Structure formats: structure tokens, C-alpha cells
C-alpha atoms as a PDB file:
ATOM      1  CA  MET A   1     110.849 120.741  88.448  1.00  0.00           C
ATOM      2  CA  GLU A   2     112.046 118.658  85.413  1.00  0.00           C
ATOM      3  CA  GLN A   3     109.360 116.769  83.784  1.00  0.00           C
ATOM      4  CA  SER A   4     111.843 113.559  83.088  1.00  0.00           C
ATOM      5  CA  ASN A   5     112.579 113.908  86.789  1.00  0.00           C
ATOM      6  CA  THR A   6     108.705 114.557  88.447  1.00  0.00           C
ATOM      7  CA  PRO A   7     107.087 111.204  89.227  1.00  0.00           C
ATOM      8  CA  ALA A   8     103.725 110.572  87.669  1.00  0.00           C
ATOM      9  CA  TRP A   9     101.451 111.658  90.751  1.00  0.00           C
ATOM     10  CA  MET A  10     102.972 114.927  90.064  1.00  0.00           C
ATOM     11  CA  GLN A  11     101.989 115.153  86.912  1.00  0.00           C
ATOM     12  CA  ASP A  12      98.746 114.135  87.543  1.00  0.00           C
ATOM     13  CA  GLU A  13      95.690 116.951  86.513  1.00  0.00           C
ATOM     14  CA  SER A  14      94.039 116.481  89.605  1.00  0.00           C
ATOM     15  CA  VAL A  15      96.874 117.835  91.797  1.00  0.00           C
ATOM     16  CA  GLN A  16      98.252 120.410  90.036  1.00  0.00           C
ATOM     17  CA  LYS A  17      96.095 122.987  92.411  1.00  0.00           C
ATOM     18  CA  ILE A  18      98.243 121.448  95.231  1.00  0.00           C
ATOM     19  CA  ASP A  19     101.216 123.880  96.091  1.00  0.00           C
ATOM     20  CA  LYS A  20     104.379 122.434  95.157  1.00  0.00           C
ATOM     21  CA  ALA A  21     106.169 122.324  97.975  1.00  0.00           C
ATOM     22  CA  LYS A  22     103.455 119.987  99.884  1.00  0.00           C
ATOM     23  CA  LEU A  23     103.746 117.822  96.906  1.00  0.00           C
ATOM     24  CA  GLU A  24     107.688 117.654  97.237  1.00  0.00           C
ATOM     25  CA  PHE A  25     107.129 116.886 100.256  1.00  0.00           C
ATOM     26  CA  LEU A  26     104.686 114.057  99.471  1.00  0.00           C
ATOM     27  CA  ASN A  27     107.170 112.700  97.067  1.00  0.00           C
ATOM     28  CA  SER A  28     109.975 112.237  99.908  1.00  0.00           C
ATOM     29  CA  CYS A  29     107.617 110.840 102.639  1.00  0.00           C
ATOM     30  CA  PHE A  30     107.086 108.045  99.906  1.00  0.00           C
ATOM     31  CA  ALA A  31     110.442 108.325  98.915  1.00  0.00           C
ATOM     32  CA  ALA A  32     111.676 107.832 102.187  1.00  0.00           C
ATOM     33  CA  MET A  33     109.629 104.880 103.185  1.00  0.00           C
ATOM     34  CA  GLN A  34     110.682 102.806  99.986  1.00  0.00           C
ATOM     35  CA  GLY A  35     111.901  99.329 101.120  1.00  0.00           C
ATOM     36  CA  LYS A  36     110.259  99.733 104.271  1.00  0.00           C
ATOM     37  CA  GLU A  37     106.815  98.483 103.195  1.00  0.00           C
ATOM     38  CA  LYS A  38     106.932  95.230 105.164  1.00  0.00           C
ATOM     39  CA  ASP A  39     108.301  96.409 108.315  1.00  0.00           C
ATOM     40  CA  LYS A  40     105.508  98.607 109.666  1.00  0.00           C
ATOM     41  CA  LYS A  41     108.052  99.673 113.096  1.00  0.00           C
ATOM     42  CA  ALA A  42     110.681 101.076 110.216  1.00  0.00           C
ATOM     43  CA  LEU A  43     107.692 102.502 108.333  1.00  0.00           C
ATOM     44  CA  MET A  44     106.045 104.120 111.341  1.00  0.00           C
ATOM     45  CA  ALA A  45     109.469 105.805 112.557  1.00  0.00           C
ATOM     46  CA  VAL A  46     109.735 107.604 108.870  1.00  0.00           C
ATOM     47  CA  LEU A  47     106.131 109.110 108.776  1.00  0.00           C
ATOM     48  CA  SER A  48     106.891 110.140 112.150  1.00  0.00           C
ATOM     49  CA  THR A  49     109.729 112.135 111.020  1.00  0.00           C
ATOM     50  CA  GLN A  50     107.904 113.052 108.250  1.00  0.00           C
ATOM     51  CA  ILE A  51     105.434 114.429 110.182  1.00  0.00           C
ATOM     52  CA  LYS A  52     107.774 116.202 112.320  1.00  0.00           C
ATOM     53  CA  ASN A  53     109.540 117.658 109.275  1.00  0.00           C
ATOM     54  CA  ALA A  54     105.784 118.897 107.989  1.00  0.00           C
ATOM     55  CA  ARG A  55     105.377 121.018 111.243  1.00  0.00           C
ATOM     56  CA  GLN A  56     108.884 122.650 111.352  1.00  0.00           C
ATOM     57  CA  LYS A  57     107.914 123.398 107.775  1.00  0.00           C
ATOM     58  CA  GLY A  58     104.720 124.942 108.302  1.00  0.00           C
ATOM     59  CA  LEU A  59     103.045 122.561 105.903  1.00  0.00           C
ATOM     60  CA  GLN A  60      99.352 121.663 106.415  1.00  0.00           C
ATOM     61  CA  PHE A  61      97.262 119.862 104.477  1.00  0.00           C
ATOM     62  CA  THR A  62      93.452 120.128 103.824  1.00  0.00           C
ATOM     63  CA  PRO A  63      91.340 116.917 104.011  1.00  0.00           C
ATOM     64  CA  GLU A  64      90.644 117.678 100.157  1.00  0.00           C
ATOM     65  CA  GLU A  65      94.547 118.168  99.311  1.00  0.00           C
ATOM     66  CA  MET A  66      95.602 114.505 101.206  1.00  0.00           C
ATOM     67  CA  ASN A  67      92.733 112.765  99.086  1.00  0.00           C
ATOM     68  CA  ILE A  68      93.631 114.339  95.922  1.00  0.00           C
ATOM     69  CA  ALA A  69      97.104 113.427  96.064  1.00  0.00           C
ATOM     70  CA  VAL A  70      96.518 110.036  97.564  1.00  0.00           C
ATOM     71  CA  ASN A  71      94.128 108.964  95.003  1.00  0.00           C
ATOM     72  CA  ALA A  72      97.043 110.220  92.328  1.00  0.00           C
ATOM     73  CA  ILE A  73      99.916 108.643  94.046  1.00  0.00           C
ATOM     74  CA  LYS A  74      97.338 105.408  94.192  1.00  0.00           C
ATOM     75  CA  LYS A  75      96.663 105.591  90.404  1.00  0.00           C
ATOM     76  CA  GLY A  76     100.578 104.307  90.089  1.00  0.00           C
ATOM     77  CA  GLY A  77     100.677 102.108  93.050  1.00  0.00           C
ATOM     78  CA  THR A  78     100.975  98.474  93.283  1.00  0.00           C
ATOM     79  CA  PRO A  79      98.282  96.162  94.806  1.00  0.00           C
ATOM     80  CA  GLU A  80     100.563  95.960  97.733  1.00  0.00           C
ATOM     81  CA  SER A  81     101.370  99.646  98.388  1.00  0.00           C
ATOM     82  CA  ASN A  82      97.757 100.551  97.655  1.00  0.00           C
ATOM     83  CA  LYS A  83      96.552  98.361 100.839  1.00  0.00           C
ATOM     84  CA  GLN A  84      99.608  99.668 102.831  1.00  0.00           C
ATOM     85  CA  ILE A  85      98.300 103.273 102.325  1.00  0.00           C
ATOM     86  CA  ASP A  86      94.580 102.413 102.613  1.00  0.00           C
ATOM     87  CA  ASP A  87      95.558 100.556 105.855  1.00  0.00           C
ATOM     88  CA  ILE A  88      97.674 103.683 107.511  1.00  0.00           C
ATOM     89  CA  LEU A  89      94.561 106.038 106.011  1.00  0.00           C
ATOM     90  CA  SER A  90      92.160 103.514 107.998  1.00  0.00           C
ATOM     91  CA  GLY A  91      94.095 103.336 111.157  1.00  0.00           C
ATOM     92  CA  LYS A  92      94.834  99.682 110.771  1.00  0.00           C
ATOM     93  CA  ILE A  93      98.792 100.652 110.930  1.00  0.00           C
ATOM     94  CA  LYS A  94      98.985 103.205 113.864  1.00  0.00           C
ATOM     95  CA  LYS A  95      99.552 106.669 112.587  1.00  0.00           C
ATOM     96  CA  PRO A  96     102.684 108.150 114.586  1.00  0.00           C
ATOM     97  CA  PHE A  97     100.582 111.120 115.582  1.00  0.00           C
END
């Protein structure tokens, strides 16, 4: 991965111990969700597809890996995107799994 094309959250020191394939997968998830923040139905469709893709690739995240990655992503997020992440994680937006 080229440094210039790598999102800031993926360069965060806290995520460096997480497998690069997992980080790239999370990055593709967030890229796929861009523009769907206001449409919860579209967002859930994207998440459902991404979760299926993760299972097919055999990607599993430990709770610690998810917490580290989410915190790194939220560092550079907008208040709206961070609220959406919090809503998904807290169950306010129904998870597709």
C-alpha cells in the first residue's frame, strides 16, 4: 500500500498490529458506505454485503481489533459519521447480522 493513498486512520499507530487484509476490508466498507449516511436502508444493504464478503474471505475480527479500528476511524471522522458509527455499534441502527 502506498503511503499517499492510505487513509489517515490506517496509518494510525494503534492499528498497526491488525492484519493489513482486515484493515483494507474495513476501508472498503467505509468507502462503500460513502454517500449513504442519510439512507439507513441503503447503509444496511451495504453492510450486509460487506459482512457476507468478510465471511467468504474468512475474515474475523476480535473485539479488541474492532475497538482499535473504530477508534482510529473516528479520530478523523465528522461528528455525523461518528454518531452513525456509534448508533450502529449501540444497536440504534439494526445490524444486518
